[in-house]
C-alpha atoms as a PDB file:
ATOM      1  CA  MET A   1      -0.116  -0.112   0.057  1.00  0.00           C
ATOM      2  CA  ILE A   2       1.264   3.415  -0.983  1.00  0.00           C
ATOM      3  CA  LYS A   3       0.362   6.629   0.332  1.00  0.00           C
ATOM      4  CA  ILE A   4       1.359   9.952  -1.581  1.00  0.00           C
ATOM      5  CA  SER A   5       1.404  13.525   0.202  1.00  0.00           C
ATOM      6  CA  ILE A   6       0.473  16.475  -1.802  1.00  0.00           C
ATOM      7  CA  THR A   7       2.039  19.100   0.327  1.00  0.00           C
ATOM      8  CA  GLY A   8       3.106  22.818   0.332  1.00  0.00           C
ATOM      9  CA  PRO A   9       1.843  26.391   1.076  1.00  0.00           C
ATOM     10  CA  GLU A  10      -1.701  27.703   0.366  1.00  0.00           C
ATOM     11  CA  SER A  11      -2.877  28.292  -3.111  1.00  0.00           C
ATOM     12  CA  THR A  12      -0.292  25.967  -4.666  1.00  0.00           C
ATOM     13  CA  GLY A  13      -2.767  23.483  -6.426  1.00  0.00           C
ATOM     14  CA  LYS A  14      -2.572  20.579  -3.977  1.00  0.00           C
ATOM     15  CA  SER A  15      -6.424  19.986  -4.162  1.00  0.00           C
ATOM     16  CA  TRP A  16      -6.498  20.251  -7.891  1.00  0.00           C
ATOM     17  CA  LEU A  17      -3.211  17.962  -8.205  1.00  0.00           C
ATOM     18  CA  ALA A  18      -4.465  15.398  -5.773  1.00  0.00           C
ATOM     19  CA  GLN A  19      -7.838  14.853  -7.506  1.00  0.00           C
ATOM     20  CA  HIS A  20      -6.049  14.662 -11.183  1.00  0.00           C
ATOM     21  CA  LEU A  21      -3.406  12.170  -9.892  1.00  0.00           C
ATOM     22  CA  ALA A  22      -6.184   9.974  -8.745  1.00  0.00           C
ATOM     23  CA  GLU A  23      -8.050  10.070 -11.843  1.00  0.00           C
ATOM     24  CA  TYR A  24      -4.982   9.418 -13.697  1.00  0.00           C
ATOM     25  CA  TYR A  25      -4.109   6.558 -11.647  1.00  0.00           C
ATOM     26  CA  LYS A  26      -7.410   5.180 -11.232  1.00  0.00           C
ATOM     27  CA  THR A  27      -7.539   5.254  -7.537  1.00  0.00           C
ATOM     28  CA  VAL A  28      -8.842   7.611  -4.782  1.00  0.00           C
ATOM     29  CA  TRP A  29      -7.614  10.877  -3.018  1.00  0.00           C
ATOM     30  CA  VAL A  30      -8.560  11.936   0.361  1.00  0.00           C
ATOM     31  CA  ALA A  31      -9.541  15.578   0.441  1.00  0.00           C
ATOM     32  CA  GLU A  32      -8.173  18.076   3.043  1.00  0.00           C
ATOM     33  CA  TYR A  33     -10.218  17.678   6.197  1.00  0.00           C
ATOM     34  CA  ALA A  34      -9.345  21.373   7.123  1.00  0.00           C
ATOM     35  CA  ARG A  35     -11.667  22.965   4.664  1.00  0.00           C
ATOM     36  CA  GLN A  36     -14.915  20.811   5.821  1.00  0.00           C
ATOM     37  CA  TYR A  37     -14.043  21.486   9.426  1.00  0.00           C
ATOM     38  CA  LEU A  38     -13.263  25.147   9.184  1.00  0.00           C
ATOM     39  CA  ALA A  39     -16.406  25.904   7.022  1.00  0.00           C
ATOM     40  CA  GLY A  40     -18.712  23.848   9.753  1.00  0.00           C
ATOM     41  CA  ILE A  41     -17.486  25.695  12.966  1.00  0.00           C
ATOM     42  CA  LYS A  42     -19.021  29.059  12.345  1.00  0.00           C
ATOM     43  CA  ARG A  43     -16.100  30.666  14.507  1.00  0.00           C
ATOM     44  CA  ALA A  44     -12.438  31.615  14.478  1.00  0.00           C
ATOM     45  CA  TYR A  45     -10.468  28.473  14.854  1.00  0.00           C
ATOM     46  CA  THR A  46      -8.046  27.922  17.623  1.00  0.00           C
ATOM     47  CA  PHE A  47      -4.884  26.090  18.365  1.00  0.00           C
ATOM     48  CA  ASP A  48      -6.625  22.858  19.323  1.00  0.00           C
ATOM     49  CA  ASP A  49      -8.743  23.031  16.256  1.00  0.00           C
ATOM     50  CA  ILE A  50      -5.404  22.246  14.171  1.00  0.00           C
ATOM     51  CA  LEU A  51      -5.205  18.839  16.094  1.00  0.00           C
ATOM     52  CA  VAL A  52      -8.659  18.062  15.473  1.00  0.00           C
ATOM     53  CA  ILE A  53      -8.274  18.457  11.829  1.00  0.00           C
ATOM     54  CA  ALA A  54      -5.053  16.433  11.822  1.00  0.00           C
ATOM     55  CA  GLN A  55      -6.492  13.672  13.645  1.00  0.00           C
ATOM     56  CA  LYS A  56      -9.600  13.682  11.257  1.00  0.00           C
ATOM     57  CA  GLN A  57      -7.201  13.927   8.392  1.00  0.00           C
ATOM     58  CA  PHE A  58      -5.232  10.809   9.446  1.00  0.00           C
ATOM     59  CA  GLU A  59      -8.454   8.778  10.199  1.00  0.00           C
ATOM     60  CA  ASN A  60      -9.579   9.497   6.704  1.00  0.00           C
ATOM     61  CA  GLU A  61      -6.382   8.607   5.053  1.00  0.00           C
ATOM     62  CA  ASN A  62      -6.432   5.131   6.959  1.00  0.00           C
ATOM     63  CA  MET A  63      -9.932   4.465   5.756  1.00  0.00           C
ATOM     64  CA  ALA A  64      -8.937   5.178   2.429  1.00  0.00           C
ATOM     65  CA  ILE A  65      -5.708   3.015   2.282  1.00  0.00           C
ATOM     66  CA  LYS A  66      -7.841  -0.051   3.527  1.00  0.00           C
ATOM     67  CA  SER A  67      -9.385  -0.602   0.415  1.00  0.00           C
ATOM     68  CA  ASN A  68      -6.997   0.746  -2.140  1.00  0.00           C
ATOM     69  CA  ASN A  69      -3.112   0.149  -2.857  1.00  0.00           C
ATOM     70  CA  LEU A  70      -2.416   3.969  -3.816  1.00  0.00           C
ATOM     71  CA  VAL A  71      -3.920   6.685  -2.233  1.00  0.00           C
ATOM     72  CA  PHE A  72      -3.004  10.543  -2.909  1.00  0.00           C
ATOM     73  CA  CYS A  73      -3.513  12.579   0.219  1.00  0.00           C
ATOM     74  CA  ASP A  74      -4.477  16.481  -0.301  1.00  0.00           C
ATOM     75  CA  THR A  75      -2.379  17.607   2.819  1.00  0.00           C
ATOM     76  CA  ASP A  76      -0.494  15.987   5.540  1.00  0.00           C
ATOM     77  CA  PHE A  77       1.284  16.368   9.042  1.00  0.00           C
ATOM     78  CA  CYS A  78       3.866  18.851   7.455  1.00  0.00           C
ATOM     79  CA  VAL A  79       0.941  21.059   6.909  1.00  0.00           C
ATOM     80  CA  THR A  80      -0.460  21.022  10.206  1.00  0.00           C
ATOM     81  CA  SER A  81       2.696  21.090  11.892  1.00  0.00           C
ATOM     82  CA  ILE A  82       3.758  24.351  10.024  1.00  0.00           C
ATOM     83  CA  TRP A  83       0.329  25.857  10.375  1.00  0.00           C
ATOM     84  CA  ALA A  84       0.453  25.445  14.265  1.00  0.00           C
ATOM     85  CA  THR A  85       4.082  26.922  14.277  1.00  0.00           C
ATOM     86  CA  VAL A  86       3.254  30.105  11.951  1.00  0.00           C
ATOM     87  CA  LYS A  87      -0.239  30.823  13.758  1.00  0.00           C
ATOM     88  CA  TYR A  88       0.637  30.273  17.275  1.00  0.00           C
ATOM     89  CA  ASN A  89       4.147  29.481  17.701  1.00  0.00           C
ATOM     90  CA  GLN A  90       3.342  25.980  19.185  1.00  0.00           C
ATOM     91  CA  LYS A  91       3.515  22.556  18.257  1.00  0.00           C
ATOM     92  CA  HIS A  92       1.143  19.747  19.134  1.00  0.00           C
ATOM     93  CA  ASP A  93       3.079  16.675  20.308  1.00  0.00           C
ATOM     94  CA  TRP A  94       0.581  14.033  18.621  1.00  0.00           C
ATOM     95  CA  ILE A  95       1.204  15.831  15.215  1.00  0.00           C
ATOM     96  CA  GLU A  96       4.795  15.963  15.866  1.00  0.00           C
ATOM     97  CA  ASN A  97       4.895  12.268  16.636  1.00  0.00           C
ATOM     98  CA  LYS A  98       2.705  11.414  13.335  1.00  0.00           C
ATOM     99  CA  LEU A  99       4.950  13.673  11.534  1.00  0.00           C
ATOM    100  CA  ASN A 100       8.187  11.519  12.727  1.00  0.00           C
ATOM    101  CA  GLU A 101       6.601   8.414  11.884  1.00  0.00           C
ATOM    102  CA  ASN A 102       6.530   9.390   8.292  1.00  0.00           C
ATOM    103  CA  THR A 103       3.375   7.367   6.914  1.00  0.00           C
ATOM    104  CA  TYR A 104       3.741   8.584   3.260  1.00  0.00           C
ATOM    105  CA  ASN A 105       5.825   7.040   0.724  1.00  0.00           C
ATOM    106  CA  LEU A 106       6.396  10.049  -1.294  1.00  0.00           C
ATOM    107  CA  TYR A 107       5.742  13.667  -0.856  1.00  0.00           C
ATOM    108  CA  LEU A 108       5.006  16.208  -3.866  1.00  0.00           C
ATOM    109  CA  LEU A 109       5.938  19.537  -2.831  1.00  0.00           C
ATOM    110  CA  CYS A 110       3.761  21.938  -4.823  1.00  0.00           C
ATOM    111  CA  ASN A 111       6.120  24.957  -5.646  1.00  0.00           C
ATOM    112  CA  ILE A 112       4.624  28.551  -5.384  1.00  0.00           C
ATOM    113  CA  ASP A 113       4.806  29.225  -9.352  1.00  0.00           C
ATOM    114  CA  LEU A 114       1.058  29.338  -9.573  1.00  0.00           C
ATOM    115  CA  PRO A 115      -0.564  32.763  -9.185  1.00  0.00           C
ATOM    116  CA  TRP A 116      -2.148  33.443  -5.585  1.00  0.00           C
ATOM    117  CA  GLU A 117      -5.959  32.774  -5.413  1.00  0.00           C
ATOM    118  CA  PHE A 118      -8.132  34.434  -2.824  1.00  0.00           C
ATOM    119  CA  ASP A 119      -9.942  32.183  -0.610  1.00  0.00           C
ATOM    120  CA  PRO A 120     -11.407  33.221   2.848  1.00  0.00           C
ATOM    121  CA  LEU A 121      -9.795  30.110   4.389  1.00  0.00           C
ATOM    122  CA  ARG A 122      -6.272  31.236   3.137  1.00  0.00           C
ATOM    123  CA  GLU A 123      -4.274  33.327   5.420  1.00  0.00           C
ATOM    124  CA  HIS A 124      -0.759  34.328   4.257  1.00  0.00           C
ATOM    125  CA  PRO A 125      -0.505  35.566   0.613  1.00  0.00           C
ATOM    126  CA  GLU A 126       2.650  37.763   1.573  1.00  0.00           C
ATOM    127  CA  MET A 127       4.559  34.727   3.052  1.00  0.00           C
ATOM    128  CA  ARG A 128       4.553  32.133   0.269  1.00  0.00           C
ATOM    129  CA  SER A 129       8.350  32.024  -0.263  1.00  0.00           C
ATOM    130  CA  GLU A 130       9.002  32.009   3.436  1.00  0.00           C
ATOM    131  CA  LEU A 131       6.582  28.972   3.790  1.00  0.00           C
ATOM    132  CA  PHE A 132       7.842  27.153   0.839  1.00  0.00           C
ATOM    133  CA  GLY A 133      11.266  27.323   2.532  1.00  0.00           C
ATOM    134  CA  LYS A 134       9.741  25.947   5.824  1.00  0.00           C
ATOM    135  CA  TYR A 135       8.090  22.763   3.967  1.00  0.00           C
ATOM    136  CA  GLU A 136      11.480  22.000   2.137  1.00  0.00           C
ATOM    137  CA  GLU A 137      13.555  22.390   5.197  1.00  0.00           C
ATOM    138  CA  LEU A 138      11.141  20.374   7.004  1.00  0.00           C
ATOM    139  CA  LEU A 139      11.163  17.358   4.265  1.00  0.00           C
ATOM    140  CA  LYS A 140      14.759  17.711   3.956  1.00  0.00           C
ATOM    141  CA  ASN A 141      15.477  17.793   7.830  1.00  0.00           C
ATOM    142  CA  ASN A 142      13.550  14.610   8.101  1.00  0.00           C
ATOM    143  CA  HIS A 143      15.164  12.686   5.121  1.00  0.00           C
ATOM    144  CA  PHE A 144      11.466  12.452   3.604  1.00  0.00           C
ATOM    145  CA  ASN A 145      11.444  11.109  -0.174  1.00  0.00           C
ATOM    146  CA  PHE A 146      10.206  14.358  -1.975  1.00  0.00           C
ATOM    147  CA  ARG A 147      10.037  15.901  -5.375  1.00  0.00           C
ATOM    148  CA  ILE A 148       9.068  19.702  -5.950  1.00  0.00           C
ATOM    149  CA  VAL A 149       6.440  19.677  -8.521  1.00  0.00           C
ATOM    150  CA  SER A 150       6.231  22.981 -10.662  1.00  0.00           C
ATOM    151  CA  GLY A 151       4.462  23.944 -13.867  1.00  0.00           C
ATOM    152  CA  ILE A 152       1.062  25.480 -14.736  1.00  0.00           C
ATOM    153  CA  GLY A 153      -1.945  23.226 -15.407  1.00  0.00           C
ATOM    154  CA  ASP A 154      -1.245  20.206 -17.220  1.00  0.00           C
ATOM    155  CA  ASP A 155       2.552  21.025 -17.304  1.00  0.00           C
ATOM    156  CA  ARG A 156       2.375  20.648 -13.491  1.00  0.00           C
ATOM    157  CA  LEU A 157       0.386  17.447 -13.609  1.00  0.00           C
ATOM    158  CA  GLN A 158       2.696  16.026 -15.909  1.00  0.00           C
ATOM    159  CA  ASN A 159       5.563  16.851 -13.748  1.00  0.00           C
ATOM    160  CA  ALA A 160       3.875  15.110 -11.001  1.00  0.00           C
ATOM    161  CA  ILE A 161       3.176  11.829 -12.914  1.00  0.00           C
ATOM    162  CA  ALA A 162       6.657  11.699 -13.971  1.00  0.00           C
ATOM    163  CA  PHE A 163       7.581  11.780 -10.215  1.00  0.00           C
ATOM    164  CA  VAL A 164       4.927   9.236  -9.216  1.00  0.00           C
ATOM    165  CA  ASP A 165       6.113   6.903 -12.158  1.00  0.00           C
ATOM    166  CA  GLU A 166       9.599   7.110 -11.215  1.00  0.00           C
ATOM    167  CA  PHE A 167       8.843   6.355  -7.447  1.00  0.00           C
ATOM    168  CA  LEU A 168       6.318   3.415  -8.616  1.00  0.00           C
ATOM    169  CA  ASN A 169       9.045   2.005 -10.834  1.00  0.00           C
ATOM    170  CA  GLN A 170      11.692   2.177  -8.239  1.00  0.00           C
ATOM    171  CA  THR A 171       9.308   0.436  -5.612  1.00  0.00           C
ATOM    172  CA  LYS A 172       8.184  -2.382  -8.384  1.00  0.00           C
ATOM    173  CA  THR A 173      12.216  -3.012  -8.848  1.00  0.00           C
ATOM    174  CA  ALA A 174      13.043  -3.246  -5.123  1.00  0.00           C
ATOM    175  CA  PHE A 175      10.488  -6.109  -4.713  1.00  0.00           C
ATOM    176  CA  LEU A 176      11.740  -7.918  -7.946  1.00  0.00           C
END
């Protein structure tokens, strides 16, 4: 079973990419739970809400992986870890522990080469470069298997497909 994370700063096409990769590989994707949760609470979110979001995201991913050999995840513990740190200058132990367990086989880090799109749930258009650096640093420091996905539209999708194919071919070869 393979879990691939689509990660990175806001407004970098994570949801679009996860959905299109799942369609291409004829499998499923796990949507970002934060959107559903934040739309439903009808109040400003808190530090503890980030933990609730991470736990439900993890639960949704585990449900998906039970019946699929390949799952694309629209977000991960990198997102919730960086989010909690940037917004509250704190970390949740549970999120950090799950991050360190590294339950993803491959991370696709979405580059900030897409234009920023306003969304009421997005908070930091002025911090895109800084946030991208935080993601890249976290992935490198933890020695996670990651690739940076760039390009607009179909080019972005084709670049991601090339990285996924490379990973799947290496995985297949390792078991021969």
